[in-house]
N, C-alpha and C. Protein backbone atom coordinates (compact mmCIF):
# COMPACT_ATOMS: atom_id res chain seq x y z
N MET A 1 -13.19 -185.51 -49.56
CA MET A 1 -12.67 -184.26 -49.01
C MET A 1 -12.94 -183.10 -49.97
N SER A 2 -12.68 -183.31 -51.26
CA SER A 2 -12.89 -182.25 -52.25
C SER A 2 -14.37 -181.88 -52.33
N THR A 3 -15.25 -182.86 -52.18
CA THR A 3 -16.69 -182.59 -52.21
C THR A 3 -17.10 -181.71 -51.05
N LEU A 4 -16.57 -181.99 -49.87
CA LEU A 4 -16.89 -181.18 -48.70
C LEU A 4 -16.40 -179.75 -48.87
N LYS A 5 -15.24 -179.59 -49.47
CA LYS A 5 -14.70 -178.24 -49.69
C LYS A 5 -15.58 -177.46 -50.65
N VAL A 6 -16.11 -178.14 -51.66
CA VAL A 6 -17.00 -177.48 -52.61
C VAL A 6 -18.27 -177.02 -51.91
N LEU A 7 -18.81 -177.88 -51.04
CA LEU A 7 -20.05 -177.54 -50.33
C LEU A 7 -19.85 -176.40 -49.34
N GLN A 8 -18.62 -176.21 -48.86
CA GLN A 8 -18.33 -175.15 -47.89
C GLN A 8 -18.22 -173.77 -48.55
N LYS A 9 -18.08 -173.75 -49.85
CA LYS A 9 -17.94 -172.47 -50.55
C LYS A 9 -19.23 -171.67 -50.43
N LEU A 10 -19.09 -170.35 -50.33
CA LEU A 10 -20.26 -169.49 -50.19
C LEU A 10 -21.13 -169.54 -51.45
N GLN A 11 -20.47 -169.58 -52.62
CA GLN A 11 -21.20 -169.63 -53.88
C GLN A 11 -20.61 -170.72 -54.77
N PRO A 12 -21.08 -171.95 -54.62
CA PRO A 12 -20.57 -173.05 -55.46
C PRO A 12 -20.84 -172.77 -56.94
N ARG A 13 -19.88 -173.10 -57.80
CA ARG A 13 -20.05 -172.91 -59.23
C ARG A 13 -20.68 -174.12 -59.90
N ASN A 14 -20.85 -175.17 -59.12
CA ASN A 14 -21.43 -176.40 -59.66
C ASN A 14 -22.90 -176.48 -59.24
N ASN A 15 -23.79 -176.69 -60.21
CA ASN A 15 -25.22 -176.73 -59.92
C ASN A 15 -25.57 -177.85 -58.94
N LEU A 16 -24.94 -179.01 -59.10
CA LEU A 16 -25.23 -180.14 -58.23
C LEU A 16 -24.83 -179.82 -56.79
N ALA A 17 -23.68 -179.20 -56.61
CA ALA A 17 -23.23 -178.84 -55.27
C ALA A 17 -24.19 -177.86 -54.61
N GLU A 18 -24.71 -176.95 -55.41
CA GLU A 18 -25.66 -175.97 -54.87
C GLU A 18 -26.96 -176.65 -54.45
N ASP A 19 -27.41 -177.63 -55.24
CA ASP A 19 -28.63 -178.38 -54.89
C ASP A 19 -28.44 -179.16 -53.60
N VAL A 20 -27.26 -179.77 -53.42
CA VAL A 20 -26.98 -180.52 -52.19
C VAL A 20 -27.00 -179.60 -50.99
N ARG A 21 -26.44 -178.42 -51.12
CA ARG A 21 -26.43 -177.47 -50.00
C ARG A 21 -27.84 -177.08 -49.58
N ILE A 22 -28.72 -176.95 -50.59
CA ILE A 22 -30.11 -176.58 -50.28
C ILE A 22 -30.81 -177.69 -49.50
N LEU A 23 -30.49 -178.94 -49.86
CA LEU A 23 -31.13 -180.09 -49.20
C LEU A 23 -30.63 -180.32 -47.78
N ILE A 24 -29.41 -179.87 -47.52
CA ILE A 24 -28.84 -180.07 -46.18
C ILE A 24 -29.50 -179.11 -45.18
N ASP A 25 -30.00 -179.65 -44.07
CA ASP A 25 -30.56 -178.78 -43.02
C ASP A 25 -29.74 -178.95 -41.75
N ASP A 26 -30.22 -178.38 -40.67
CA ASP A 26 -29.47 -178.41 -39.40
C ASP A 26 -29.32 -179.81 -38.83
N ASN A 27 -30.13 -180.77 -39.29
CA ASN A 27 -30.08 -182.13 -38.74
C ASN A 27 -29.13 -183.04 -39.51
N VAL A 28 -28.51 -182.50 -40.57
CA VAL A 28 -27.60 -183.30 -41.38
C VAL A 28 -26.20 -182.72 -41.30
N SER A 29 -25.23 -183.57 -41.05
CA SER A 29 -23.83 -183.13 -41.04
C SER A 29 -23.00 -184.10 -41.86
N LEU A 30 -22.05 -183.56 -42.59
CA LEU A 30 -21.19 -184.36 -43.45
C LEU A 30 -19.76 -184.32 -42.91
N HIS A 31 -19.13 -185.47 -42.89
CA HIS A 31 -17.75 -185.56 -42.38
C HIS A 31 -16.92 -186.41 -43.32
N TRP A 32 -15.66 -186.11 -43.38
CA TRP A 32 -14.74 -186.88 -44.20
C TRP A 32 -14.13 -188.00 -43.36
N VAL A 33 -14.19 -189.22 -43.90
CA VAL A 33 -13.60 -190.38 -43.23
C VAL A 33 -12.43 -190.86 -44.08
N LYS A 34 -11.31 -191.11 -43.45
CA LYS A 34 -10.08 -191.43 -44.17
C LYS A 34 -10.20 -192.69 -45.01
N ALA A 35 -10.85 -193.74 -44.50
CA ALA A 35 -10.96 -194.99 -45.25
C ALA A 35 -12.33 -195.60 -45.05
N HIS A 36 -12.77 -196.44 -46.02
CA HIS A 36 -14.07 -197.10 -45.92
C HIS A 36 -14.06 -198.30 -44.98
N ILE A 37 -12.91 -198.90 -44.78
CA ILE A 37 -12.81 -200.13 -43.98
C ILE A 37 -13.30 -199.91 -42.55
N GLY A 38 -14.17 -200.83 -42.11
CA GLY A 38 -14.67 -200.75 -40.73
C GLY A 38 -15.91 -199.91 -40.57
N LYS A 39 -16.32 -199.19 -41.61
CA LYS A 39 -17.52 -198.37 -41.55
C LYS A 39 -18.57 -199.01 -42.45
N VAL A 40 -19.62 -199.55 -41.82
CA VAL A 40 -20.63 -200.31 -42.56
C VAL A 40 -21.24 -199.49 -43.69
N GLY A 41 -21.64 -198.27 -43.38
CA GLY A 41 -22.27 -197.42 -44.39
C GLY A 41 -21.32 -197.12 -45.55
N ASN A 42 -20.07 -196.84 -45.22
CA ASN A 42 -19.09 -196.53 -46.27
C ASN A 42 -18.76 -197.74 -47.13
N GLU A 43 -18.69 -198.92 -46.48
CA GLU A 43 -18.42 -200.13 -47.24
C GLU A 43 -19.56 -200.44 -48.20
N SER A 44 -20.78 -200.18 -47.76
CA SER A 44 -21.95 -200.39 -48.63
C SER A 44 -21.93 -199.43 -49.81
N ALA A 45 -21.56 -198.18 -49.52
CA ALA A 45 -21.48 -197.18 -50.58
C ALA A 45 -20.39 -197.53 -51.58
N ASP A 46 -19.27 -198.04 -51.06
CA ASP A 46 -18.15 -198.43 -51.92
C ASP A 46 -18.56 -199.59 -52.84
N LYS A 47 -19.29 -200.55 -52.27
CA LYS A 47 -19.75 -201.71 -53.04
C LYS A 47 -20.72 -201.27 -54.13
N ALA A 48 -21.63 -200.36 -53.77
CA ALA A 48 -22.61 -199.87 -54.75
C ALA A 48 -21.92 -199.11 -55.88
N ALA A 49 -20.88 -198.35 -55.53
CA ALA A 49 -20.14 -197.59 -56.54
C ALA A 49 -19.44 -198.52 -57.52
N LYS A 50 -18.86 -199.61 -57.00
CA LYS A 50 -18.18 -200.57 -57.87
C LYS A 50 -19.17 -201.29 -58.78
N GLU A 51 -20.35 -201.62 -58.24
CA GLU A 51 -21.37 -202.29 -59.05
C GLU A 51 -21.87 -201.38 -60.16
N ALA A 52 -21.92 -200.09 -59.86
CA ALA A 52 -22.42 -199.13 -60.85
C ALA A 52 -21.52 -199.06 -62.07
N THR A 53 -20.23 -199.31 -61.88
CA THR A 53 -19.29 -199.23 -63.00
C THR A 53 -19.48 -200.37 -63.99
N THR A 54 -20.18 -201.42 -63.58
CA THR A 54 -20.39 -202.58 -64.47
C THR A 54 -21.69 -202.49 -65.24
N LYS A 55 -22.51 -201.49 -64.94
CA LYS A 55 -23.80 -201.35 -65.61
C LYS A 55 -23.62 -200.82 -67.04
N PRO A 56 -24.43 -201.33 -67.97
CA PRO A 56 -24.32 -200.88 -69.37
C PRO A 56 -24.90 -199.49 -69.60
N THR A 57 -25.78 -199.05 -68.70
CA THR A 57 -26.40 -197.74 -68.86
C THR A 57 -26.27 -196.94 -67.57
N ILE A 58 -26.49 -195.63 -67.69
CA ILE A 58 -26.41 -194.74 -66.54
C ILE A 58 -27.80 -194.55 -65.96
N ASP A 59 -27.92 -194.72 -64.64
CA ASP A 59 -29.23 -194.59 -63.98
C ASP A 59 -29.69 -193.14 -63.91
N LEU A 60 -28.75 -192.24 -63.69
CA LEU A 60 -29.11 -190.84 -63.47
C LEU A 60 -28.26 -189.94 -64.35
N HIS A 61 -28.92 -189.12 -65.14
CA HIS A 61 -28.21 -188.15 -65.98
C HIS A 61 -28.28 -186.78 -65.29
N LEU A 62 -27.12 -186.26 -64.96
CA LEU A 62 -27.06 -184.96 -64.30
C LEU A 62 -27.00 -183.85 -65.33
N ASP A 63 -27.66 -182.75 -65.04
CA ASP A 63 -27.61 -181.59 -65.93
C ASP A 63 -26.18 -181.06 -66.00
N LEU A 64 -25.83 -180.56 -67.18
CA LEU A 64 -24.50 -179.98 -67.35
C LEU A 64 -24.42 -178.70 -66.53
N PRO A 65 -23.38 -178.53 -65.72
CA PRO A 65 -23.24 -177.30 -64.94
C PRO A 65 -23.28 -176.07 -65.84
N GLU A 66 -23.84 -174.99 -65.33
CA GLU A 66 -23.99 -173.78 -66.13
C GLU A 66 -22.65 -173.29 -66.68
N ARG A 67 -21.62 -173.37 -65.84
CA ARG A 67 -20.30 -172.90 -66.26
C ARG A 67 -19.78 -173.74 -67.43
N SER A 68 -19.98 -175.06 -67.34
CA SER A 68 -19.53 -175.95 -68.42
C SER A 68 -20.34 -175.72 -69.69
N LEU A 69 -21.63 -175.44 -69.51
CA LEU A 69 -22.49 -175.18 -70.66
C LEU A 69 -22.02 -173.93 -71.40
N LYS A 70 -21.69 -172.88 -70.65
CA LYS A 70 -21.21 -171.65 -71.26
C LYS A 70 -19.88 -171.87 -71.98
N THR A 71 -18.99 -172.64 -71.34
CA THR A 71 -17.69 -172.92 -71.94
C THR A 71 -17.84 -173.71 -73.23
N ASN A 72 -18.69 -174.74 -73.19
CA ASN A 72 -18.92 -175.57 -74.38
C ASN A 72 -19.57 -174.78 -75.51
N LEU A 73 -20.54 -173.94 -75.14
CA LEU A 73 -21.23 -173.14 -76.14
C LEU A 73 -20.26 -172.15 -76.79
N LYS A 74 -19.43 -171.54 -75.97
CA LYS A 74 -18.43 -170.59 -76.48
C LYS A 74 -17.47 -171.28 -77.44
N GLN A 75 -17.07 -172.50 -77.09
CA GLN A 75 -16.15 -173.26 -77.94
C GLN A 75 -16.81 -173.62 -79.27
N LYS A 76 -18.09 -174.01 -79.22
CA LYS A 76 -18.81 -174.36 -80.44
C LYS A 76 -18.94 -173.15 -81.37
N ILE A 77 -19.22 -171.99 -80.78
CA ILE A 77 -19.36 -170.77 -81.57
C ILE A 77 -18.04 -170.41 -82.25
N LEU A 78 -16.94 -170.53 -81.49
CA LEU A 78 -15.62 -170.24 -82.05
C LEU A 78 -15.27 -171.21 -83.18
N GLU A 79 -15.61 -172.48 -83.00
CA GLU A 79 -15.34 -173.48 -84.03
C GLU A 79 -16.13 -173.18 -85.31
N HIS A 80 -17.40 -172.79 -85.13
CA HIS A 80 -18.24 -172.45 -86.29
C HIS A 80 -17.70 -171.21 -86.99
N TRP A 81 -17.30 -170.21 -86.20
CA TRP A 81 -16.73 -168.98 -86.74
C TRP A 81 -15.45 -169.27 -87.52
N GLN A 82 -14.58 -170.10 -86.94
CA GLN A 82 -13.32 -170.44 -87.59
C GLN A 82 -13.56 -171.18 -88.90
N LYS A 83 -14.51 -172.11 -88.88
CA LYS A 83 -14.82 -172.88 -90.09
C LYS A 83 -15.34 -171.96 -91.19
N SER A 84 -16.20 -171.02 -90.82
CA SER A 84 -16.74 -170.07 -91.79
C SER A 84 -15.64 -169.15 -92.32
N TRP A 85 -14.72 -168.76 -91.45
CA TRP A 85 -13.62 -167.86 -91.82
C TRP A 85 -12.66 -168.55 -92.79
N GLU A 86 -12.50 -169.86 -92.64
CA GLU A 86 -11.58 -170.62 -93.49
C GLU A 86 -12.23 -171.13 -94.78
N ASP A 87 -13.54 -170.98 -94.89
CA ASP A 87 -14.27 -171.48 -96.05
C ASP A 87 -13.72 -170.86 -97.34
N ARG A 88 -13.28 -171.70 -98.26
CA ARG A 88 -12.69 -171.22 -99.50
C ARG A 88 -13.70 -170.52 -100.39
N GLU A 89 -14.98 -170.80 -100.17
CA GLU A 89 -16.02 -170.15 -100.97
C GLU A 89 -16.36 -168.77 -100.41
N ASN A 90 -15.83 -168.46 -99.25
CA ASN A 90 -16.05 -167.15 -98.65
C ASN A 90 -15.11 -166.15 -99.30
N THR A 91 -15.65 -165.21 -100.03
CA THR A 91 -14.82 -164.23 -100.76
C THR A 91 -14.61 -162.95 -99.98
N LYS A 92 -15.24 -162.82 -98.83
CA LYS A 92 -15.12 -161.60 -98.04
C LYS A 92 -13.98 -161.70 -97.03
N GLY A 93 -13.28 -160.60 -96.85
CA GLY A 93 -12.25 -160.53 -95.83
C GLY A 93 -11.01 -161.33 -96.12
N ARG A 94 -10.76 -161.67 -97.40
CA ARG A 94 -9.59 -162.51 -97.71
C ARG A 94 -8.27 -161.77 -97.49
N PHE A 95 -8.28 -160.46 -97.66
CA PHE A 95 -7.05 -159.69 -97.40
C PHE A 95 -6.73 -159.74 -95.91
N THR A 96 -7.75 -159.58 -95.08
CA THR A 96 -7.57 -159.65 -93.63
C THR A 96 -7.19 -161.05 -93.20
N PHE A 97 -7.74 -162.05 -93.86
CA PHE A 97 -7.45 -163.45 -93.54
C PHE A 97 -5.96 -163.75 -93.66
N ALA A 98 -5.30 -163.10 -94.62
CA ALA A 98 -3.86 -163.33 -94.82
C ALA A 98 -3.06 -162.96 -93.58
N SER A 99 -3.52 -161.97 -92.83
CA SER A 99 -2.83 -161.55 -91.61
C SER A 99 -3.37 -162.25 -90.37
N PHE A 100 -4.67 -162.53 -90.38
CA PHE A 100 -5.30 -163.14 -89.21
C PHE A 100 -6.08 -164.40 -89.62
N PRO A 101 -5.40 -165.52 -89.86
CA PRO A 101 -6.09 -166.75 -90.25
C PRO A 101 -6.87 -167.39 -89.11
N LYS A 102 -6.57 -167.02 -87.88
CA LYS A 102 -7.26 -167.59 -86.72
C LYS A 102 -8.17 -166.53 -86.09
N VAL A 103 -9.43 -166.90 -85.86
CA VAL A 103 -10.36 -165.97 -85.24
C VAL A 103 -10.03 -165.81 -83.76
N SER A 104 -10.44 -164.70 -83.20
CA SER A 104 -10.17 -164.44 -81.78
C SER A 104 -11.16 -163.42 -81.26
N ILE A 105 -11.67 -163.66 -80.05
CA ILE A 105 -12.58 -162.70 -79.44
C ILE A 105 -11.83 -161.67 -78.61
N SER A 106 -10.53 -161.88 -78.45
CA SER A 106 -9.72 -160.95 -77.65
C SER A 106 -9.02 -159.91 -78.52
N ARG A 107 -9.00 -160.14 -79.83
CA ARG A 107 -8.33 -159.20 -80.73
C ARG A 107 -9.20 -157.96 -80.93
N CYS A 108 -8.64 -156.81 -80.66
CA CYS A 108 -9.39 -155.56 -80.82
C CYS A 108 -8.45 -154.49 -81.36
N ILE A 109 -8.77 -153.96 -82.52
CA ILE A 109 -7.97 -152.89 -83.13
C ILE A 109 -8.76 -151.60 -83.00
N ASP A 110 -8.28 -150.70 -82.15
CA ASP A 110 -9.02 -149.47 -81.89
C ASP A 110 -8.46 -148.26 -82.64
N ASN A 111 -7.51 -148.51 -83.53
CA ASN A 111 -6.94 -147.44 -84.35
C ASN A 111 -7.55 -147.52 -85.74
N ARG A 112 -8.28 -146.50 -86.15
CA ARG A 112 -9.02 -146.58 -87.42
C ARG A 112 -8.10 -146.71 -88.63
N TYR A 113 -6.90 -146.16 -88.52
CA TYR A 113 -5.97 -146.28 -89.64
C TYR A 113 -5.43 -147.70 -89.77
N ILE A 114 -5.17 -148.34 -88.63
CA ILE A 114 -4.71 -149.72 -88.65
C ILE A 114 -5.83 -150.65 -89.12
N THR A 115 -7.07 -150.30 -88.78
CA THR A 115 -8.22 -151.07 -89.28
C THR A 115 -8.29 -150.98 -90.80
N GLN A 116 -8.07 -149.78 -91.33
CA GLN A 116 -8.05 -149.60 -92.78
C GLN A 116 -6.93 -150.42 -93.41
N ALA A 117 -5.80 -150.50 -92.72
CA ALA A 117 -4.66 -151.24 -93.25
C ALA A 117 -4.94 -152.74 -93.28
N THR A 118 -5.51 -153.27 -92.22
CA THR A 118 -5.75 -154.72 -92.14
C THR A 118 -6.87 -155.18 -93.08
N THR A 119 -7.76 -154.27 -93.44
CA THR A 119 -8.85 -154.63 -94.35
C THR A 119 -8.59 -154.18 -95.79
N ASN A 120 -7.57 -153.32 -95.97
CA ASN A 120 -7.25 -152.74 -97.28
C ASN A 120 -8.40 -151.86 -97.77
N HIS A 121 -9.16 -151.33 -96.82
CA HIS A 121 -10.27 -150.42 -97.11
C HIS A 121 -9.92 -149.04 -96.59
N GLY A 122 -9.47 -148.18 -97.46
CA GLY A 122 -9.08 -146.84 -97.05
C GLY A 122 -8.96 -145.95 -98.27
N LEU A 123 -8.23 -144.85 -98.13
CA LEU A 123 -8.04 -143.95 -99.26
C LEU A 123 -6.95 -144.47 -100.18
N PHE A 124 -7.22 -145.62 -100.75
CA PHE A 124 -6.29 -146.25 -101.68
C PHE A 124 -6.97 -146.37 -103.05
N PRO A 125 -6.27 -146.04 -104.13
CA PRO A 125 -6.87 -146.16 -105.46
C PRO A 125 -7.46 -147.55 -105.72
N SER A 126 -6.80 -148.58 -105.21
CA SER A 126 -7.31 -149.95 -105.42
C SER A 126 -8.69 -150.12 -104.80
N TYR A 127 -8.91 -149.49 -103.64
CA TYR A 127 -10.20 -149.58 -102.96
C TYR A 127 -11.26 -148.82 -103.75
N PHE A 128 -10.92 -147.62 -104.22
CA PHE A 128 -11.87 -146.81 -104.98
C PHE A 128 -12.27 -147.52 -106.28
N ARG A 129 -11.31 -148.16 -106.94
CA ARG A 129 -11.61 -148.85 -108.20
C ARG A 129 -12.43 -150.11 -107.96
N ARG A 130 -12.10 -150.83 -106.91
CA ARG A 130 -12.79 -152.09 -106.62
C ARG A 130 -14.28 -151.89 -106.40
N PHE A 131 -14.63 -150.82 -105.70
CA PHE A 131 -16.04 -150.57 -105.38
C PHE A 131 -16.65 -149.50 -106.29
N ASN A 132 -15.97 -149.23 -107.40
CA ASN A 132 -16.48 -148.28 -108.40
C ASN A 132 -16.83 -146.92 -107.80
N ILE A 133 -16.02 -146.48 -106.87
CA ILE A 133 -16.24 -145.17 -106.26
C ILE A 133 -15.71 -144.08 -107.18
N LYS A 134 -14.50 -144.30 -107.68
CA LYS A 134 -13.94 -143.39 -108.68
C LYS A 134 -12.72 -144.05 -109.33
N ALA A 135 -12.51 -143.71 -110.58
CA ALA A 135 -11.35 -144.25 -111.31
C ALA A 135 -10.15 -143.38 -111.02
N CYS A 136 -9.15 -143.96 -110.38
CA CYS A 136 -7.98 -143.17 -110.01
C CYS A 136 -6.76 -144.06 -109.84
N THR A 137 -5.60 -143.43 -109.78
CA THR A 137 -4.34 -144.13 -109.54
C THR A 137 -3.48 -143.28 -108.62
N CYS A 138 -2.39 -143.85 -108.16
CA CYS A 138 -1.45 -143.09 -107.34
C CYS A 138 -0.60 -142.25 -108.30
N ARG A 139 -0.35 -141.02 -107.96
CA ARG A 139 0.40 -140.12 -108.82
C ARG A 139 1.84 -140.58 -109.07
N CYS A 140 2.36 -141.41 -108.18
CA CYS A 140 3.75 -141.86 -108.35
C CYS A 140 3.90 -142.75 -109.58
N GLY A 141 2.84 -143.47 -109.95
CA GLY A 141 2.86 -144.31 -111.14
C GLY A 141 3.79 -145.49 -111.10
N GLU A 142 4.27 -145.85 -109.93
CA GLU A 142 5.26 -146.93 -109.83
C GLU A 142 4.65 -148.30 -109.56
N ASP A 143 3.37 -148.35 -109.20
CA ASP A 143 2.77 -149.63 -108.84
C ASP A 143 1.30 -149.61 -109.22
N THR A 144 0.87 -150.57 -110.01
CA THR A 144 -0.53 -150.59 -110.46
C THR A 144 -1.49 -151.09 -109.39
N THR A 145 -0.97 -151.73 -108.34
CA THR A 145 -1.88 -152.24 -107.31
C THR A 145 -2.45 -151.10 -106.48
N ASP A 146 -1.62 -150.14 -106.13
CA ASP A 146 -2.07 -148.95 -105.39
C ASP A 146 -2.89 -149.30 -104.15
N ASP A 147 -2.46 -150.30 -103.40
CA ASP A 147 -3.18 -150.67 -102.19
C ASP A 147 -2.36 -150.30 -100.96
N ILE A 148 -2.73 -150.82 -99.80
CA ILE A 148 -2.05 -150.47 -98.56
C ILE A 148 -0.58 -150.86 -98.60
N LEU A 149 -0.27 -152.01 -99.21
CA LEU A 149 1.12 -152.46 -99.26
C LEU A 149 1.97 -151.57 -100.16
N HIS A 150 1.35 -150.96 -101.15
CA HIS A 150 2.06 -150.01 -102.02
C HIS A 150 2.56 -148.83 -101.19
N TYR A 151 1.68 -148.30 -100.34
CA TYR A 151 2.06 -147.14 -99.53
C TYR A 151 2.96 -147.53 -98.36
N ALA A 152 2.76 -148.73 -97.84
CA ALA A 152 3.59 -149.17 -96.72
C ALA A 152 5.02 -149.51 -97.16
N HIS A 153 5.17 -150.02 -98.38
CA HIS A 153 6.48 -150.52 -98.83
C HIS A 153 7.19 -149.67 -99.89
N HIS A 154 6.43 -149.12 -100.85
CA HIS A 154 7.09 -148.60 -102.05
C HIS A 154 6.87 -147.13 -102.39
N CYS A 155 5.68 -146.61 -102.20
CA CYS A 155 5.33 -145.30 -102.74
C CYS A 155 6.32 -144.20 -102.33
N PRO A 156 6.94 -143.53 -103.31
CA PRO A 156 7.91 -142.47 -103.00
C PRO A 156 7.29 -141.21 -102.41
N THR A 157 5.97 -141.03 -102.60
CA THR A 157 5.33 -139.82 -102.07
C THR A 157 5.28 -139.81 -100.54
N VAL A 158 5.44 -140.98 -99.93
CA VAL A 158 5.45 -141.04 -98.46
C VAL A 158 6.76 -141.63 -97.94
N SER A 159 7.78 -141.64 -98.78
CA SER A 159 9.07 -142.23 -98.39
C SER A 159 9.71 -141.48 -97.22
N HIS A 160 9.41 -140.18 -97.10
CA HIS A 160 9.98 -139.39 -96.00
C HIS A 160 9.41 -139.82 -94.65
N LEU A 161 8.31 -140.56 -94.66
CA LEU A 161 7.70 -141.04 -93.42
C LEU A 161 8.07 -142.49 -93.13
N ARG A 162 8.72 -143.13 -94.07
CA ARG A 162 9.04 -144.55 -93.97
C ARG A 162 10.49 -144.74 -93.55
N ASN A 163 10.70 -144.93 -92.23
CA ASN A 163 12.05 -145.10 -91.70
C ASN A 163 12.26 -146.48 -91.09
N LYS A 164 11.28 -146.95 -90.36
CA LYS A 164 11.38 -148.25 -89.68
C LYS A 164 10.84 -149.39 -90.54
N ILE A 165 9.87 -149.08 -91.38
CA ILE A 165 9.23 -150.11 -92.19
C ILE A 165 10.12 -150.52 -93.35
N SER A 166 10.26 -151.82 -93.53
CA SER A 166 11.04 -152.37 -94.64
C SER A 166 10.11 -153.08 -95.61
N SER A 167 10.49 -153.14 -96.86
CA SER A 167 9.67 -153.81 -97.87
C SER A 167 9.56 -155.31 -97.61
N SER A 168 10.45 -155.83 -96.76
CA SER A 168 10.41 -157.25 -96.42
C SER A 168 9.43 -157.55 -95.29
N HIS A 169 8.95 -156.50 -94.64
CA HIS A 169 8.02 -156.67 -93.52
C HIS A 169 6.62 -157.03 -94.02
N SER A 170 6.04 -158.04 -93.43
CA SER A 170 4.64 -158.36 -93.73
C SER A 170 3.76 -157.34 -93.04
N LEU A 171 2.52 -157.25 -93.49
CA LEU A 171 1.59 -156.31 -92.87
C LEU A 171 1.38 -156.65 -91.40
N LEU A 172 1.30 -157.95 -91.10
CA LEU A 172 1.11 -158.37 -89.71
C LEU A 172 2.28 -157.92 -88.85
N HIS A 173 3.49 -158.04 -89.38
CA HIS A 173 4.67 -157.59 -88.64
C HIS A 173 4.60 -156.08 -88.39
N ILE A 174 4.19 -155.34 -89.39
CA ILE A 174 4.13 -153.88 -89.27
C ILE A 174 3.15 -153.44 -88.20
N ILE A 175 1.96 -154.02 -88.20
CA ILE A 175 0.94 -153.58 -87.25
C ILE A 175 1.17 -154.16 -85.85
N SER A 176 1.97 -155.22 -85.76
CA SER A 176 2.22 -155.84 -84.45
C SER A 176 3.36 -155.16 -83.71
N ASN A 177 4.23 -154.48 -84.45
CA ASN A 177 5.36 -153.79 -83.84
C ASN A 177 4.97 -152.35 -83.52
N ARG A 178 5.28 -151.91 -82.34
CA ARG A 178 4.83 -150.59 -81.89
C ARG A 178 5.37 -149.47 -82.78
N GLU A 179 6.67 -149.52 -83.11
CA GLU A 179 7.29 -148.45 -83.89
C GLU A 179 6.79 -148.43 -85.34
N THR A 180 6.75 -149.59 -85.97
CA THR A 180 6.29 -149.64 -87.37
C THR A 180 4.79 -149.38 -87.48
N SER A 181 4.03 -149.77 -86.47
CA SER A 181 2.60 -149.50 -86.46
C SER A 181 2.35 -148.00 -86.37
N LYS A 182 3.12 -147.34 -85.55
CA LYS A 182 3.01 -145.88 -85.41
C LYS A 182 3.39 -145.20 -86.72
N GLU A 183 4.41 -145.73 -87.37
CA GLU A 183 4.86 -145.16 -88.64
C GLU A 183 3.80 -145.35 -89.72
N LEU A 184 3.18 -146.52 -89.76
CA LEU A 184 2.12 -146.77 -90.74
C LEU A 184 0.94 -145.84 -90.51
N THR A 185 0.62 -145.59 -89.26
CA THR A 185 -0.46 -144.65 -88.93
C THR A 185 -0.14 -143.26 -89.47
N SER A 186 1.10 -142.84 -89.32
CA SER A 186 1.52 -141.52 -89.83
C SER A 186 1.40 -141.46 -91.35
N ILE A 187 1.74 -142.55 -92.02
CA ILE A 187 1.63 -142.60 -93.48
C ILE A 187 0.18 -142.46 -93.93
N LEU A 188 -0.71 -143.17 -93.27
CA LEU A 188 -2.13 -143.12 -93.64
C LEU A 188 -2.75 -141.78 -93.30
N GLN A 189 -2.32 -141.18 -92.20
CA GLN A 189 -2.80 -139.84 -91.86
C GLN A 189 -2.37 -138.84 -92.93
N PHE A 190 -1.14 -138.99 -93.40
CA PHE A 190 -0.62 -138.09 -94.44
C PHE A 190 -1.43 -138.24 -95.72
N ILE A 191 -1.79 -139.47 -96.08
CA ILE A 191 -2.59 -139.71 -97.27
C ILE A 191 -3.96 -139.04 -97.14
N HIS A 192 -4.55 -139.12 -95.96
CA HIS A 192 -5.85 -138.49 -95.71
C HIS A 192 -5.76 -136.97 -95.85
N GLU A 193 -4.67 -136.42 -95.37
CA GLU A 193 -4.51 -134.96 -95.38
C GLU A 193 -4.07 -134.43 -96.73
N HIS A 194 -3.50 -135.28 -97.57
CA HIS A 194 -2.99 -134.84 -98.87
C HIS A 194 -3.53 -135.71 -100.00
N GLU A 195 -4.79 -136.07 -99.88
CA GLU A 195 -5.39 -136.99 -100.86
C GLU A 195 -5.27 -136.48 -102.29
N GLU A 196 -5.56 -135.21 -102.51
CA GLU A 196 -5.55 -134.66 -103.87
C GLU A 196 -4.14 -134.63 -104.45
N ASP A 197 -3.14 -134.52 -103.59
CA ASP A 197 -1.75 -134.48 -104.07
C ASP A 197 -1.20 -135.88 -104.36
N ILE A 198 -1.85 -136.90 -103.79
CA ILE A 198 -1.34 -138.27 -103.93
C ILE A 198 -2.14 -139.08 -104.92
N ILE A 199 -3.45 -138.89 -104.93
CA ILE A 199 -4.32 -139.68 -105.80
C ILE A 199 -4.72 -138.87 -107.03
N GLN A 200 -4.58 -139.47 -108.17
CA GLN A 200 -4.86 -138.80 -109.44
C GLN A 200 -6.06 -139.44 -110.12
N LEU A 201 -7.04 -138.60 -110.47
CA LEU A 201 -8.23 -139.10 -111.16
C LEU A 201 -7.89 -139.42 -112.61
N GLU A 202 -8.50 -140.50 -113.11
CA GLU A 202 -8.28 -140.88 -114.51
C GLU A 202 -9.30 -140.19 -115.40
N ASP A 203 -8.89 -139.88 -116.60
CA ASP A 203 -9.79 -139.21 -117.55
C ASP A 203 -10.87 -140.17 -118.04
């Protein structure tokens, strides 16, 4: 019954079903019979099917349906990506890994400030020093790390913008919550607009 329903579809998703439809012409009709008993052809088919289960090898190898092939290929790519992302010898993106240990093709961050936060690549003294862009520190002088977490949790120069964010909040919690994410965006915008007042060049 299920086979007949598949063949009745206008666009079968199974390659084999589509091939069967092409082979069927006006002189061939398929019908569902409730039981094999009493039907010579059906009893023969049933016997052949049972005999086939005892064979050590398969007589006919069917091509993998296109849909299954795409699904399997997608899964293999994700597995390879995940393995590469978890590789301990991989030194890139480790800050981001702390928030997103699992890869995903559905995750999309379209806010440039939140992207800077999740990568720790922005107008932060730690970023400038790491890539030898310029030697600088935060003018507050309270934290030598001077990274995104410094501004999100501690820096007094942006404390007037920090109302919802708590020092106990992880970065993932901050960017996942609508209110704290909006607040973090405001903090980073402020840093961009007042860079010279916040970041101090070293002699």
